[in-house]
């Protein structure tokens, strides 16, 4: 829909992003900041989400 209406669109995802650009997304951002143990990832998830949203806000 965004591509059809020429509106930029972004997605915050974790995996399986291969086809998303083909569907018109302008930017794709991952919340994970590198491969880590699940417990560490879970503990840091709130901060990682905030940092990702901050990065998006610079668009």
Protein backbone atom coordinates (compact mmCIF):
# COMPACT_ATOMS: atom_id res chain seq x y z
CA UNK A 1 0.00 0.00 0.00
CA UNK A 2 2.81 2.43 0.87
CA UNK A 3 4.62 1.75 -2.40
CA UNK A 4 1.42 2.22 -4.38
CA UNK A 5 0.81 5.59 -2.69
CA UNK A 6 4.51 6.60 -2.78
CA UNK A 7 4.69 6.89 1.01
CA UNK A 8 7.88 5.84 2.81
CA UNK A 9 7.38 2.83 5.07
CA UNK A 10 9.66 1.16 7.60
CA UNK A 11 9.57 -2.09 9.55
CA UNK A 12 11.12 -3.24 12.82
CA UNK A 13 11.80 -6.95 12.39
CA UNK A 14 13.88 -9.82 13.66
CA UNK A 15 14.39 -12.10 10.64
CA UNK A 16 13.06 -13.19 7.23
CA UNK A 17 13.44 -9.76 5.66
CA UNK A 18 14.46 -10.86 2.17
CA UNK A 19 11.17 -10.03 0.46
CA UNK A 20 10.25 -6.91 2.43
CA UNK A 21 12.16 -4.44 0.23
CA UNK A 22 10.45 -5.96 -2.81
CA UNK A 23 7.13 -5.10 -1.16
CA UNK A 24 7.94 -1.40 -0.98
CA UNK A 25 9.57 -0.81 2.39
CA UNK A 26 12.00 2.09 2.54
CA UNK A 27 13.87 0.87 5.59
CA UNK A 28 14.14 -2.28 7.68
CA UNK A 29 15.58 -2.21 11.18
CA UNK A 30 16.46 -5.05 13.52
CA UNK A 31 16.04 -4.72 17.28
CA UNK A 32 18.85 -7.22 17.93
CA UNK A 33 22.29 -5.65 18.03
CA UNK A 34 24.33 -8.74 17.28
CA UNK A 35 24.21 -12.42 18.17
CA UNK A 36 23.88 -12.91 21.92
CA UNK A 37 22.68 -15.50 24.38
CA UNK A 38 18.89 -15.41 24.74
CA UNK A 39 19.02 -14.38 28.40
CA UNK A 40 21.26 -11.41 27.56
CA UNK A 41 19.05 -10.47 24.61
CA UNK A 42 15.94 -10.67 26.78
CA UNK A 43 17.56 -8.53 29.48
CA UNK A 44 18.65 -5.86 26.97
CA UNK A 45 15.52 -5.90 24.79
CA UNK A 46 13.97 -2.69 26.13
CA UNK A 47 17.16 -0.68 25.64
CA UNK A 48 17.75 -2.24 22.21
CA UNK A 49 14.20 -1.32 21.15
CA UNK A 50 14.68 2.27 22.32
CA UNK A 51 17.98 2.53 20.41
CA UNK A 52 16.33 1.15 17.28
CA UNK A 53 13.44 3.61 17.49
CA UNK A 54 15.95 6.42 18.06
CA UNK A 55 17.78 5.39 14.88
CA UNK A 56 14.50 5.41 12.97
CA UNK A 57 13.69 8.89 14.24
CA UNK A 58 16.68 10.29 12.34
CA UNK A 59 15.05 9.47 8.99
